[in-house]
Amino acid sequence: MSVSAPAPVPAPPVRVLLVEDDELMRRSFAVALERYGYRVGTAADGLTALELFRDEDFDLLILDVMLPGLDGIGLCRRVRETSLVPVLMMSARGDGLDVVAGLEAGADDYVVKPVDTYVLVARIRSLLRRATYAPAPLPAHPPASAPEAGAPASDGRSLVFGDLTIDTGGLEVSLSGRPVALTPTELKLLLEFAAHPGIVLDRHTLLREVWDYGWDGDSRVVDLCVQRLRGKVGRDRIETVRGFGYKFRR
């Protein structure tokens, strides 16, 4: 008598908190996302959203910038005080003011309204892939030959750049022995730099490899994320190469 293998346990649906004060737009986005299989919680203002976020577990937040009470920028800052959950900002303005403020507050990406549902879902999927990102493992044993001068030290699991240690297996980062809290986007950006020490990476390459853009994105996303990352791992560790991009110091 053959015994059939147990049916695989389906993954729980991704929970999204959508914060948008326009009722029609909020309902429209919620229905569209639910059709893609997401479980959507909604709020019409920042304070209600903050209470909902503290009471329930969400995998991703979508925040409109212009909200009554506590706006999306302030809400993002409050969320970042306790959580590294991926945050996507929505702005009705494309002049850059909201974009820069949102990214400086800790958002991972942004879209400008009106936004097509397919674009919104693509950005959500990209953010979720970053949140569950697993880099290729390092070799089990260091190479027999001496490492290149200036190359990072490696024990088969971690990369060490001076006082900065990157555990590529546990996806943990420490600076002078103290843990560094990075958002999924910041962590993937650091891993991309660490995989190419001493090599100049242009913004389009970083948008493709880190943000998973299959199209030209806004390079301000890269610049602001690099700025945040510098503040956490050392401002001199990532060098700006004017006219080209960024280089990670060995």
Protein backbone atom coordinates (compact mmCIF):
# COMPACT_ATOMS: atom_id res chain seq x y z
CA MET A 1 0.00 0.00 0.00
CA SER A 2 1.56 3.26 -1.08
CA VAL A 3 1.43 6.28 1.13
CA SER A 4 1.00 9.58 -0.63
CA ALA A 5 3.19 12.48 0.37
CA PRO A 6 1.49 15.11 2.49
CA ALA A 7 0.18 18.09 0.60
CA PRO A 8 2.44 21.12 0.91
CA VAL A 9 1.30 23.70 3.40
CA PRO A 10 0.40 26.87 1.51
CA ALA A 11 2.32 29.98 2.48
CA PRO A 12 0.26 32.46 4.47
CA PRO A 13 -0.92 35.42 2.43
CA VAL A 14 1.17 38.57 2.53
CA ARG A 15 -0.37 41.20 4.77
CA VAL A 16 -0.28 44.77 3.45
CA LEU A 17 -1.24 47.90 5.35
CA LEU A 18 -2.55 50.52 2.91
CA VAL A 19 -2.80 54.08 4.27
CA GLU A 20 -4.65 56.46 1.95
CA ASP A 21 -7.07 59.24 2.90
CA ASP A 22 -8.96 59.28 -0.43
CA GLU A 23 -11.76 56.76 0.16
CA LEU A 24 -12.33 55.89 -3.50
CA MET A 25 -8.63 55.38 -4.17
CA ARG A 26 -8.20 53.40 -0.94
CA ARG A 27 -11.00 51.01 -1.85
CA SER A 28 -9.80 50.69 -5.43
CA PHE A 29 -6.24 49.80 -4.42
CA ALA A 30 -7.43 47.41 -1.71
CA VAL A 31 -9.71 45.48 -4.10
CA ALA A 32 -6.98 45.32 -6.75
CA LEU A 33 -4.36 44.02 -4.30
CA GLU A 34 -6.76 41.44 -2.87
CA ARG A 35 -7.30 40.11 -6.38
CA TYR A 36 -3.55 39.42 -6.45
CA GLY A 37 -3.84 37.41 -3.25
CA TYR A 38 -2.73 39.99 -0.69
CA ARG A 39 -4.55 40.49 2.59
CA VAL A 40 -5.08 44.22 2.92
CA GLY A 41 -5.67 46.29 6.01
CA THR A 42 -6.57 49.93 5.46
CA ALA A 43 -6.47 53.24 7.31
CA ALA A 44 -7.48 56.75 6.29
CA ASP A 45 -5.07 58.69 8.53
CA GLY A 46 -1.62 58.31 10.02
CA LEU A 47 -2.55 57.94 13.71
CA THR A 48 -5.09 55.19 13.01
CA ALA A 49 -2.53 53.45 10.81
CA LEU A 50 0.11 53.63 13.56
CA GLU A 51 -2.25 52.01 16.07
CA LEU A 52 -3.17 49.31 13.54
CA PHE A 53 0.50 48.67 12.77
CA ARG A 54 1.31 48.26 16.47
CA ASP A 55 -1.61 45.91 17.07
CA GLU A 56 -1.19 43.62 14.04
CA ASP A 57 1.60 42.04 12.00
CA PHE A 58 2.09 43.40 8.49
CA ASP A 59 4.61 42.33 5.88
CA LEU A 60 4.62 45.61 3.94
CA LEU A 61 3.30 49.17 4.28
CA ILE A 62 2.01 51.45 1.52
CA LEU A 63 1.84 55.03 2.77
CA ASP A 64 0.41 58.06 1.06
CA VAL A 65 2.46 61.17 1.81
CA MET A 66 -0.46 63.56 2.36
CA LEU A 67 -2.46 62.24 5.32
CA PRO A 68 -4.53 64.03 7.98
CA GLY A 69 -3.17 64.17 11.52
CA LEU A 70 0.13 62.34 11.11
CA ASP A 71 1.35 62.50 7.52
CA GLY A 72 3.07 59.67 5.67
CA ILE A 73 6.57 61.07 6.31
CA GLY A 74 5.98 61.24 10.06
CA LEU A 75 4.31 57.84 10.04
CA CYS A 76 7.28 56.30 8.25
CA ARG A 77 9.65 57.77 10.86
CA ARG A 78 7.53 56.35 13.71
CA VAL A 79 7.46 52.93 12.06
CA ARG A 80 11.23 52.98 11.58
CA GLU A 81 11.72 53.52 15.33
CA THR A 82 10.72 49.90 15.95
CA SER A 83 10.49 48.05 12.63
CA LEU A 84 12.40 47.32 9.42
CA VAL A 85 9.25 46.31 7.53
CA PRO A 86 9.39 47.31 3.83
CA VAL A 87 7.74 50.69 3.18
CA LEU A 88 6.48 51.96 -0.18
CA MET A 89 5.53 55.65 -0.33
CA MET A 90 2.88 57.07 -2.66
CA SER A 91 3.15 60.69 -3.71
CA ALA A 92 0.80 62.84 -5.77
CA ARG A 93 3.69 65.15 -6.63
CA GLY A 94 6.60 64.37 -8.89
CA ASP A 95 8.69 67.43 -8.05
CA GLY A 96 10.99 65.52 -5.75
CA LEU A 97 10.09 67.15 -2.43
CA ASP A 98 7.92 64.28 -1.22
CA VAL A 99 10.26 61.72 -2.76
CA VAL A 100 13.35 62.94 -0.93
CA ALA A 101 11.51 63.44 2.37
CA GLY A 102 9.99 59.95 2.20
CA LEU A 103 13.27 58.21 1.40
CA GLU A 104 15.11 60.17 4.09
CA ALA A 105 12.44 59.06 6.57
CA GLY A 106 13.30 55.43 5.82
CA ALA A 107 11.04 54.41 2.94
CA ASP A 108 12.44 51.76 0.59
CA ASP A 109 10.81 52.95 -2.62
CA TYR A 110 8.10 55.24 -3.94
CA VAL A 111 5.53 55.60 -6.70
CA VAL A 112 3.88 58.74 -8.05
CA LYS A 113 0.09 58.80 -8.30
CA PRO A 114 -1.83 58.07 -10.38
CA VAL A 115 -0.15 54.66 -10.48
CA ASP A 116 -1.17 51.66 -12.56
CA THR A 117 -2.04 48.56 -10.52
CA TYR A 118 0.49 46.46 -12.45
CA VAL A 119 3.27 48.91 -11.54
CA LEU A 120 2.19 48.97 -7.90
CA VAL A 121 2.17 45.17 -7.69
CA ALA A 122 5.56 44.99 -9.41
CA ARG A 123 7.04 47.36 -6.81
CA ILE A 124 5.44 45.34 -3.99
CA ARG A 125 6.87 42.08 -5.32
CA SER A 126 10.29 43.66 -5.67
CA LEU A 127 10.21 44.91 -2.07
CA LEU A 128 9.11 41.50 -0.79
CA ARG A 129 11.90 39.77 -2.70
CA ARG A 130 14.39 42.07 -1.02
CA ALA A 131 12.85 41.32 2.38
CA THR A 132 13.41 37.58 1.84
CA TYR A 133 16.70 37.93 -0.05
CA ALA A 134 19.30 35.19 0.44
CA PRO A 135 22.71 35.79 -1.18
CA ALA A 136 24.75 32.99 -2.72
CA PRO A 137 26.78 31.23 -0.01
CA LEU A 138 30.48 31.86 0.28
CA PRO A 139 32.87 28.96 -0.40
CA ALA A 140 32.99 26.44 2.45
CA HIS A 141 36.77 26.79 2.73
CA PRO A 142 38.96 29.81 1.97
CA PRO A 143 41.10 29.41 -1.15
CA ALA A 144 44.54 27.93 -0.61
CA SER A 145 46.28 30.86 -2.28
CA ALA A 146 46.84 34.08 -0.41
CA PRO A 147 44.03 36.59 -0.80
CA GLU A 148 44.53 39.62 -2.98
CA ALA A 149 45.92 42.60 -1.12
CA GLY A 150 43.08 44.66 0.31
CA ALA A 151 40.48 41.94 -0.25
CA PRO A 152 38.00 41.36 2.58
CA ALA A 153 38.79 38.60 5.04
CA SER A 154 36.38 35.66 4.91
CA ASP A 155 35.74 32.67 7.15
CA GLY A 156 33.38 31.04 4.66
CA ARG A 157 30.33 32.76 6.15
CA SER A 158 31.31 36.33 6.93
CA LEU A 159 33.04 39.20 5.15
CA VAL A 160 35.19 41.50 7.24
CA PHE A 161 36.11 45.03 6.13
CA GLY A 162 38.09 46.51 9.02
CA ASP A 163 35.63 47.01 11.87
CA LEU A 164 32.64 46.11 9.65
CA THR A 165 31.53 42.45 9.64
CA ILE A 166 28.86 41.13 7.28
CA ASP A 167 27.45 37.70 8.11
CA THR A 168 26.16 36.60 4.71
CA GLY A 169 24.56 33.46 6.12
CA GLY A 170 22.68 35.01 9.01
CA LEU A 171 22.20 38.31 7.14
CA GLU A 172 23.54 40.24 10.11
CA VAL A 173 25.87 43.24 10.13
CA SER A 174 28.01 44.53 12.98
CA LEU A 175 30.26 47.55 13.36
CA SER A 176 33.00 47.35 16.01
CA GLY A 177 31.19 44.34 17.43
CA ARG A 178 27.82 46.10 17.76
CA PRO A 179 24.85 45.04 15.63
CA VAL A 180 23.70 47.40 12.88
CA ALA A 181 19.97 47.46 12.06
CA LEU A 182 19.45 47.69 8.29
CA THR A 183 16.26 47.66 6.27
CA PRO A 184 16.04 44.89 3.64
CA THR A 185 16.93 47.39 0.92
CA GLU A 186 19.90 48.77 2.86
CA LEU A 187 21.14 45.23 3.54
CA LYS A 188 20.90 44.18 -0.09
CA LEU A 189 22.66 47.38 -1.15
CA LEU A 190 25.48 46.69 1.32
CA LEU A 191 25.79 43.09 0.09
CA GLU A 192 26.00 44.33 -3.49
CA PHE A 193 28.80 46.72 -2.55
CA ALA A 194 30.60 44.07 -0.50
CA ALA A 195 30.50 41.64 -3.42
CA HIS A 196 32.36 44.19 -5.57
CA PRO A 197 34.85 45.98 -3.29
CA GLY A 198 36.93 48.60 -5.03
CA ILE A 199 34.75 48.51 -8.15
CA VAL A 200 32.68 51.50 -9.24
CA LEU A 201 28.97 50.61 -9.48
CA ASP A 202 26.81 53.03 -11.44
CA ARG A 203 23.30 53.93 -10.35
CA HIS A 204 21.60 52.00 -13.17
CA THR A 205 23.42 48.83 -12.11
CA LEU A 206 22.35 49.33 -8.50
CA LEU A 207 18.74 50.00 -9.53
CA ARG A 208 18.77 46.74 -11.49
CA GLU A 209 20.55 44.55 -8.94
CA VAL A 210 19.16 45.97 -5.69
CA TRP A 211 15.79 47.49 -6.56
CA ASP A 212 15.09 44.86 -9.23
CA TYR A 213 14.04 47.48 -11.76
CA GLY A 214 13.66 46.13 -15.27
CA TRP A 215 13.32 49.72 -16.44
CA ASP A 216 15.05 53.01 -15.73
CA GLY A 217 14.19 54.14 -12.23
CA ASP A 218 14.77 57.34 -10.31
CA SER A 219 18.42 57.50 -9.22
CA ARG A 220 17.38 59.55 -6.19
CA VAL A 221 16.28 56.25 -4.64
CA VAL A 222 19.88 55.04 -4.86
CA ASP A 223 21.43 58.28 -3.62
CA LEU A 224 19.18 58.54 -0.56
CA CYS A 225 19.61 54.88 0.36
CA VAL A 226 23.40 55.22 0.05
CA GLN A 227 23.19 58.27 2.31
CA ARG A 228 21.25 56.29 4.94
CA LEU A 229 23.63 53.34 4.66
CA ARG A 230 26.66 55.60 5.14
CA GLY A 231 25.14 56.87 8.36
CA LYS A 232 25.00 53.30 9.68
CA VAL A 233 28.23 51.66 8.46
CA GLY A 234 30.55 54.69 8.18
CA ARG A 235 30.46 57.68 5.88
CA ASP A 236 33.94 57.08 4.47
CA ARG A 237 33.26 53.45 3.56
CA ILE A 238 31.25 54.23 0.42
CA GLU A 239 33.00 56.64 -1.92
CA THR A 240 31.19 58.82 -4.45
CA VAL A 241 32.84 58.71 -7.88
CA ARG A 242 31.43 61.82 -9.52
CA GLY A 243 29.82 61.23 -12.87
CA PHE A 244 29.92 57.46 -12.46
CA GLY A 245 28.48 56.09 -9.24
CA TYR A 246 29.75 54.64 -5.97
CA LYS A 247 32.67 52.53 -4.83
CA PHE A 248 32.95 50.43 -1.67
CA ARG A 249 36.31 50.80 0.02
CA ARG A 250 38.19 47.57 0.63
